[in-house]
Structure formats: C-alpha cells, structure tokens
Amino acid sequence: MANGERVYSVKDVAKMCQVSNETIRRWIRKNSLKAYNTTGGLAIKILESDLREFSAALNVFVDWKVTSK
C-alpha cells in the first residue's frame, strides 16, 4: 500500500457511494473493486487510488466530502 494514501473501510466507501455495505462487498467479490485484508483478516480496507480507478471505470458516484475531516 502506498505511503500517505487514504485508506477507507467498507462502511466508509458505502457511505461515500450511497450504497449498502453488502454492495461494496459484492463489488469486491466480483474483483471489480480492489481491496485488502488487514493483518489477521479482520477488516477489509480500500485504497483511495483503487476507489478512484473503480469509480472512473464504471462511472460510480463517490461523494469524496463524506469522509473529509
């Protein structure tokens, strides 16, 4: 994973895309959206660059302001 890059949880991405957590998991299972398991496999994380690539390729809406601090 790239240093300094934002990393999102399934819940974060679901909020940003205005879909359910299960929809995000489905996108991951279909290998459309790249995701990574944390050590121990307890959490799924999604890199910002992978989400940007996915949303551009499939024209998926992402509200980037949802998780901005």
PDB file of N, CA and C in Angstrom:
ATOM      1  N   MET A   1       0.830  -1.179   0.000  1.00  0.00           N
ATOM      2  CA  MET A   1       0.000   0.000   0.000  1.00  0.00           C
ATOM      3  C   MET A   1       0.877   1.246   0.000  1.00  0.00           C
ATOM      4  N   ALA A   2       0.426   2.239  -0.687  1.00  0.00           N
ATOM      5  CA  ALA A   2       1.214   3.457  -0.841  1.00  0.00           C
ATOM      6  C   ALA A   2       1.257   4.254   0.460  1.00  0.00           C
ATOM      7  N   ASN A   3       2.396   4.816   0.766  1.00  0.00           N
ATOM      8  CA  ASN A   3       2.544   5.633   1.968  1.00  0.00           C
ATOM      9  C   ASN A   3       1.774   6.926   1.832  1.00  0.00           C
ATOM     10  N   GLY A   4       1.084   7.301   2.892  1.00  0.00           N
ATOM     11  CA  GLY A   4       0.370   8.569   2.915  1.00  0.00           C
ATOM     12  C   GLY A   4      -0.959   8.558   2.180  1.00  0.00           C
ATOM     13  N   GLU A   5      -1.300   7.461   1.547  1.00  0.00           N
ATOM     14  CA  GLU A   5      -2.559   7.390   0.812  1.00  0.00           C
ATOM     15  C   GLU A   5      -3.704   7.109   1.779  1.00  0.00           C
ATOM     16  N   ARG A   6      -4.844   7.736   1.542  1.00  0.00           N
ATOM     17  CA  ARG A   6      -6.005   7.492   2.391  1.00  0.00           C
ATOM     18  C   ARG A   6      -6.507   6.072   2.189  1.00  0.00           C
ATOM     19  N   VAL A   7      -6.923   5.477   3.294  1.00  0.00           N
ATOM     20  CA  VAL A   7      -7.435   4.108   3.291  1.00  0.00           C
ATOM     21  C   VAL A   7      -8.827   4.151   3.902  1.00  0.00           C
ATOM     22  N   TYR A   8      -9.769   3.471   3.263  1.00  0.00           N
ATOM     23  CA  TYR A   8     -11.159   3.502   3.698  1.00  0.00           C
ATOM     24  C   TYR A   8     -11.644   2.115   4.084  1.00  0.00           C
ATOM     25  N   SER A   9     -12.611   2.087   4.988  1.00  0.00           N
ATOM     26  CA  SER A   9     -13.279   0.841   5.350  1.00  0.00           C
ATOM     27  C   SER A   9     -14.444   0.606   4.391  1.00  0.00           C
ATOM     28  N   VAL A  10     -15.017  -0.577   4.437  1.00  0.00           N
ATOM     29  CA  VAL A  10     -16.200  -0.883   3.633  1.00  0.00           C
ATOM     30  C   VAL A  10     -17.319   0.089   3.991  1.00  0.00           C
ATOM     31  N   LYS A  11     -17.486   0.353   5.278  1.00  0.00           N
ATOM     32  CA  LYS A  11     -18.534   1.268   5.747  1.00  0.00           C
ATOM     33  C   LYS A  11     -18.327   2.677   5.182  1.00  0.00           C
ATOM     34  N   ASP A  12     -17.077   3.162   5.194  1.00  0.00           N
ATOM     35  CA  ASP A  12     -16.767   4.488   4.634  1.00  0.00           C
ATOM     36  C   ASP A  12     -17.147   4.554   3.161  1.00  0.00           C
ATOM     37  N   VAL A  13     -16.720   3.557   2.407  1.00  0.00           N
ATOM     38  CA  VAL A  13     -16.965   3.549   0.964  1.00  0.00           C
ATOM     39  C   VAL A  13     -18.463   3.439   0.667  1.00  0.00           C
ATOM     40  N   ALA A  14     -19.173   2.654   1.464  1.00  0.00           N
ATOM     41  CA  ALA A  14     -20.624   2.536   1.286  1.00  0.00           C
ATOM     42  C   ALA A  14     -21.295   3.901   1.461  1.00  0.00           C
ATOM     43  N   LYS A  15     -20.885   4.630   2.480  1.00  0.00           N
ATOM     44  CA  LYS A  15     -21.437   5.976   2.700  1.00  0.00           C
ATOM     45  C   LYS A  15     -21.095   6.894   1.534  1.00  0.00           C
ATOM     46  N   MET A  16     -19.859   6.836   1.086  1.00  0.00           N
ATOM     47  CA  MET A  16     -19.400   7.713   0.014  1.00  0.00           C
ATOM     48  C   MET A  16     -20.122   7.445  -1.299  1.00  0.00           C
ATOM     49  N   CYS A  17     -20.447   6.180  -1.548  1.00  0.00           N
ATOM     50  CA  CYS A  17     -21.104   5.792  -2.798  1.00  0.00           C
ATOM     51  C   CYS A  17     -22.629   5.722  -2.651  1.00  0.00           C
ATOM     52  N   GLN A  18     -23.103   5.936  -1.444  1.00  0.00           N
ATOM     53  CA  GLN A  18     -24.536   5.901  -1.139  1.00  0.00           C
ATOM     54  C   GLN A  18     -25.166   4.558  -1.504  1.00  0.00           C
ATOM     55  N   VAL A  19     -24.474   3.502  -1.091  1.00  0.00           N
ATOM     56  CA  VAL A  19     -24.954   2.130  -1.280  1.00  0.00           C
ATOM     57  C   VAL A  19     -24.757   1.378   0.035  1.00  0.00           C
ATOM     58  N   SER A  20     -25.213   0.140   0.092  1.00  0.00           N
ATOM     59  CA  SER A  20     -25.065  -0.656   1.305  1.00  0.00           C
ATOM     60  C   SER A  20     -23.659  -1.248   1.429  1.00  0.00           C
ATOM     61  N   ASN A  21     -23.331  -1.660   2.654  1.00  0.00           N
ATOM     62  CA  ASN A  21     -22.054  -2.349   2.877  1.00  0.00           C
ATOM     63  C   ASN A  21     -21.977  -3.608   2.021  1.00  0.00           C
ATOM     64  N   GLU A  22     -23.110  -4.313   1.885  1.00  0.00           N
ATOM     65  CA  GLU A  22     -23.131  -5.544   1.094  1.00  0.00           C
ATOM     66  C   GLU A  22     -22.829  -5.267  -0.381  1.00  0.00           C
ATOM     67  N   THR A  23     -23.284  -4.143  -0.890  1.00  0.00           N
ATOM     68  CA  THR A  23     -22.974  -3.787  -2.284  1.00  0.00           C
ATOM     69  C   THR A  23     -21.466  -3.625  -2.465  1.00  0.00           C
ATOM     70  N   ILE A  24     -20.826  -2.977  -1.512  1.00  0.00           N
ATOM     71  CA  ILE A  24     -19.360  -2.819  -1.589  1.00  0.00           C
ATOM     72  C   ILE A  24     -18.692  -4.191  -1.555  1.00  0.00           C
ATOM     73  N   ARG A  25     -19.143  -5.053  -0.663  1.00  0.00           N
ATOM     74  CA  ARG A  25     -18.567  -6.406  -0.593  1.00  0.00           C
ATOM     75  C   ARG A  25     -18.787  -7.169  -1.893  1.00  0.00           C
ATOM     76  N   ARG A  26     -19.931  -6.982  -2.521  1.00  0.00           N
ATOM     77  CA  ARG A  26     -20.227  -7.635  -3.802  1.00  0.00           C
ATOM     78  C   ARG A  26     -19.269  -7.120  -4.873  1.00  0.00           C
ATOM     79  N   TRP A  27     -19.050  -5.816  -4.906  1.00  0.00           N
ATOM     80  CA  TRP A  27     -18.106  -5.249  -5.882  1.00  0.00           C
ATOM     81  C   TRP A  27     -16.721  -5.833  -5.672  1.00  0.00           C
ATOM     82  N   ILE A  28     -16.340  -6.018  -4.420  1.00  0.00           N
ATOM     83  CA  ILE A  28     -15.027  -6.605  -4.116  1.00  0.00           C
ATOM     84  C   ILE A  28     -14.986  -8.071  -4.556  1.00  0.00           C
ATOM     85  N   ARG A  29     -16.015  -8.841  -4.236  1.00  0.00           N
ATOM     86  CA  ARG A  29     -16.051 -10.270  -4.602  1.00  0.00           C
ATOM     87  C   ARG A  29     -15.978 -10.475  -6.109  1.00  0.00           C
ATOM     88  N   LYS A  30     -16.593  -9.563  -6.860  1.00  0.00           N
ATOM     89  CA  LYS A  30     -16.572  -9.676  -8.327  1.00  0.00           C
ATOM     90  C   LYS A  30     -15.245  -9.200  -8.908  1.00  0.00           C
ATOM     91  N   ASN A  31     -14.316  -8.844  -8.031  1.00  0.00           N
ATOM     92  CA  ASN A  31     -12.987  -8.355  -8.427  1.00  0.00           C
ATOM     93  C   ASN A  31     -13.041  -7.059  -9.212  1.00  0.00           C
ATOM     94  N   SER A  32     -14.118  -6.330  -9.071  1.00  0.00           N
ATOM     95  CA  SER A  32     -14.211  -5.034  -9.731  1.00  0.00           C
ATOM     96  C   SER A  32     -13.514  -3.962  -8.901  1.00  0.00           C
ATOM     97  N   LEU A  33     -13.643  -4.069  -7.585  1.00  0.00           N
ATOM     98  CA  LEU A  33     -13.049  -3.103  -6.667  1.00  0.00           C
ATOM     99  C   LEU A  33     -11.954  -3.809  -5.883  1.00  0.00           C
ATOM    100  N   LYS A  34     -10.735  -3.306  -5.999  1.00  0.00           N
ATOM    101  CA  LYS A  34      -9.614  -3.895  -5.267  1.00  0.00           C
ATOM    102  C   LYS A  34      -9.753  -3.577  -3.787  1.00  0.00           C
ATOM    103  N   ALA A  35      -9.433  -4.559  -2.960  1.00  0.00           N
ATOM    104  CA  ALA A  35      -9.477  -4.375  -1.511  1.00  0.00           C
ATOM    105  C   ALA A  35      -8.420  -5.259  -0.869  1.00  0.00           C
ATOM    106  N   TYR A  36      -8.096  -4.937   0.375  1.00  0.00           N
ATOM    107  CA  TYR A  36      -7.027  -5.626   1.085  1.00  0.00           C
ATOM    108  C   TYR A  36      -7.498  -6.000   2.476  1.00  0.00           C
ATOM    109  N   ASN A  37      -7.134  -7.191   2.920  1.00  0.00           N
ATOM    110  CA  ASN A  37      -7.410  -7.598   4.298  1.00  0.00           C
ATOM    111  C   ASN A  37      -6.301  -7.082   5.193  1.00  0.00           C
ATOM    112  N   THR A  38      -6.680  -6.635   6.384  1.00  0.00           N
ATOM    113  CA  THR A  38      -5.680  -6.231   7.361  1.00  0.00           C
ATOM    114  C   THR A  38      -5.031  -7.480   7.934  1.00  0.00           C
ATOM    115  N   THR A  39      -3.983  -7.294   8.705  1.00  0.00           N
ATOM    116  CA  THR A  39      -3.324  -8.417   9.351  1.00  0.00           C
ATOM    117  C   THR A  39      -4.346  -9.171  10.185  1.00  0.00           C
ATOM    118  N   GLY A  40      -4.411 -10.445  10.012  1.00  0.00           N
ATOM    119  CA  GLY A  40      -5.393 -11.252  10.713  1.00  0.00           C
ATOM    120  C   GLY A  40      -6.700 -11.379   9.955  1.00  0.00           C
ATOM    121  N   GLY A  41      -6.855 -10.610   8.893  1.00  0.00           N
ATOM    122  CA  GLY A  41      -8.031 -10.706   8.040  1.00  0.00           C
ATOM    123  C   GLY A  41      -9.333 -10.234   8.654  1.00  0.00           C
ATOM    124  N   LEU A  42      -9.251  -9.413   9.701  1.00  0.00           N
ATOM    125  CA  LEU A  42     -10.458  -8.988  10.401  1.00  0.00           C
ATOM    126  C   LEU A  42     -11.160  -7.795   9.749  1.00  0.00           C
ATOM    127  N   ALA A  43     -10.457  -7.043   8.940  1.00  0.00           N
ATOM    128  CA  ALA A  43     -11.060  -5.862   8.331  1.00  0.00           C
ATOM    129  C   ALA A  43     -10.629  -5.743   6.884  1.00  0.00           C
ATOM    130  N   ILE A  44     -11.538  -5.255   6.059  1.00  0.00           N
ATOM    131  CA  ILE A  44     -11.263  -5.020   4.650  1.00  0.00           C
ATOM    132  C   ILE A  44     -10.994  -3.528   4.476  1.00  0.00           C
ATOM    133  N   LYS A  45      -9.919  -3.206   3.790  1.00  0.00           N
ATOM    134  CA  LYS A  45      -9.560  -1.809   3.553  1.00  0.00           C
ATOM    135  C   LYS A  45      -9.442  -1.560   2.052  1.00  0.00           C
ATOM    136  N   ILE A  46      -9.783  -0.339   1.649  1.00  0.00           N
ATOM    137  CA  ILE A  46      -9.783   0.048   0.241  1.00  0.00           C
ATOM    138  C   ILE A  46      -8.944   1.307   0.102  1.00  0.00           C
ATOM    139  N   LEU A  47      -7.971   1.266  -0.799  1.00  0.00           N
ATOM    140  CA  LEU A  47      -7.124   2.432  -1.045  1.00  0.00           C
ATOM    141  C   LEU A  47      -7.880   3.468  -1.871  1.00  0.00           C
ATOM    142  N   GLU A  48      -7.616   4.726  -1.591  1.00  0.00           N
ATOM    143  CA  GLU A  48      -8.263   5.806  -2.335  1.00  0.00           C
ATOM    144  C   GLU A  48      -7.995   5.677  -3.837  1.00  0.00           C
ATOM    145  N   SER A  49      -6.773   5.356  -4.209  1.00  0.00           N
ATOM    146  CA  SER A  49      -6.444   5.249  -5.639  1.00  0.00           C
ATOM    147  C   SER A  49      -7.250   4.137  -6.306  1.00  0.00           C
ATOM    148  N   ASP A  50      -7.466   3.033  -5.605  1.00  0.00           N
ATOM    149  CA  ASP A  50      -8.260   1.937  -6.166  1.00  0.00           C
ATOM    150  C   ASP A  50      -9.731   2.336  -6.291  1.00  0.00           C
ATOM    151  N   LEU A  51     -10.240   3.081  -5.317  1.00  0.00           N
ATOM    152  CA  LEU A  51     -11.619   3.545  -5.390  1.00  0.00           C
ATOM    153  C   LEU A  51     -11.788   4.544  -6.531  1.00  0.00           C
ATOM    154  N   ARG A  52     -10.837   5.430  -6.707  1.00  0.00           N
ATOM    155  CA  ARG A  52     -10.903   6.405  -7.814  1.00  0.00           C
ATOM    156  C   ARG A  52     -10.887   5.696  -9.165  1.00  0.00           C
ATOM    157  N   GLU A  53     -10.017   4.706  -9.305  1.00  0.00           N
ATOM    158  CA  GLU A  53      -9.920   3.941 -10.551  1.00  0.00           C
ATOM    159  C   GLU A  53     -11.233   3.199 -10.833  1.00  0.00           C
ATOM    160  N   PHE A  54     -11.774   2.547  -9.811  1.00  0.00           N
ATOM    161  CA  PHE A  54     -13.029   1.817  -9.926  1.00  0.00           C
ATOM    162  C   PHE A  54     -14.173   2.752 -10.310  1.00  0.00           C
ATOM    163  N   SER A  55     -14.283   3.882  -9.623  1.00  0.00           N
ATOM    164  CA  SER A  55     -15.396   4.799  -9.887  1.00  0.00           C
ATOM    165  C   SER A  55     -15.304   5.411 -11.280  1.00  0.00           C
ATOM    166  N   ALA A  56     -14.096   5.687 -11.740  1.00  0.00           N
ATOM    167  CA  ALA A  56     -13.930   6.255 -13.081  1.00  0.00           C
ATOM    168  C   ALA A  56     -14.259   5.221 -14.162  1.00  0.00           C
ATOM    169  N   ALA A  57     -13.807   3.993 -13.958  1.00  0.00           N
ATOM    170  CA  ALA A  57     -14.015   2.942 -14.962  1.00  0.00           C
ATOM    171  C   ALA A  57     -15.488   2.561 -15.101  1.00  0.00           C
ATOM    172  N   LEU A  58     -16.215   2.559 -13.982  1.00  0.00           N
ATOM    173  CA  LEU A  58     -17.605   2.099 -14.004  1.00  0.00           C
ATOM    174  C   LEU A  58     -18.614   3.224 -13.800  1.00  0.00           C
ATOM    175  N   ASN A  59     -18.120   4.468 -13.791  1.00  0.00           N
ATOM    176  CA  ASN A  59     -18.987   5.634 -13.632  1.00  0.00           C
ATOM    177  C   ASN A  59     -19.842   5.529 -12.361  1.00  0.00           C
ATOM    178  N   VAL A  60     -19.184   5.191 -11.265  1.00  0.00           N
ATOM    179  CA  VAL A  60     -19.849   5.066  -9.961  1.00  0.00           C
ATOM    180  C   VAL A  60     -19.698   6.386  -9.215  1.00  0.00           C
ATOM    181  N   PHE A  61     -20.810   6.895  -8.686  1.00  0.00           N
ATOM    182  CA  PHE A  61     -20.783   8.140  -7.923  1.00  0.00           C
ATOM    183  C   PHE A  61     -20.046   7.937  -6.600  1.00  0.00           C
ATOM    184  N   VAL A  62     -19.150   8.875  -6.282  1.00  0.00           N
ATOM    185  CA  VAL A  62     -18.463   8.878  -4.990  1.00  0.00           C
ATOM    186  C   VAL A  62     -18.507  10.295  -4.447  1.00  0.00           C
ATOM    187  N   ASP A  63     -19.049  10.460  -3.253  1.00  0.00           N
ATOM    188  CA  ASP A  63     -19.053  11.772  -2.584  1.00  0.00           C
ATOM    189  C   ASP A  63     -17.817  11.840  -1.703  1.00  0.00           C
ATOM    190  N   TRP A  64     -16.756  12.425  -2.236  1.00  0.00           N
ATOM    191  CA  TRP A  64     -15.468  12.443  -1.550  1.00  0.00           C
ATOM    192  C   TRP A  64     -15.513  13.304  -0.282  1.00  0.00           C
ATOM    193  N   LYS A  65     -16.508  14.163  -0.151  1.00  0.00           N
ATOM    194  CA  LYS A  65     -16.608  15.030   1.028  1.00  0.00           C
ATOM    195  C   LYS A  65     -17.144  14.296   2.253  1.00  0.00           C
ATOM    196  N   VAL A  66     -17.754  13.145   2.063  1.00  0.00           N
ATOM    197  CA  VAL A  66     -18.377  12.422   3.185  1.00  0.00           C
ATOM    198  C   VAL A  66     -17.382  12.107   4.279  1.00  0.00           C
ATOM    199  N   THR A  67     -16.198  11.691   3.935  1.00  0.00           N
ATOM    200  CA  THR A  67     -15.216  11.303   4.951  1.00  0.00           C
ATOM    201  C   THR A  67     -14.138  12.343   5.163  1.00  0.00           C
ATOM    202  N   SER A  68     -14.251  13.496   4.533  1.00  0.00           N
ATOM    203  CA  SER A  68     -13.261  14.555   4.724  1.00  0.00           C
ATOM    204  C   SER A  68     -13.320  15.062   6.157  1.00  0.00           C
ATOM    205  N   LYS A  69     -12.165  15.411   6.664  1.00  0.00           N
ATOM    206  CA  LYS A  69     -12.131  15.923   8.034  1.00  0.00           C
ATOM    207  C   LYS A  69     -11.784  17.375   8.039  1.00  0.00           C
TER     208      LYS A  69
END
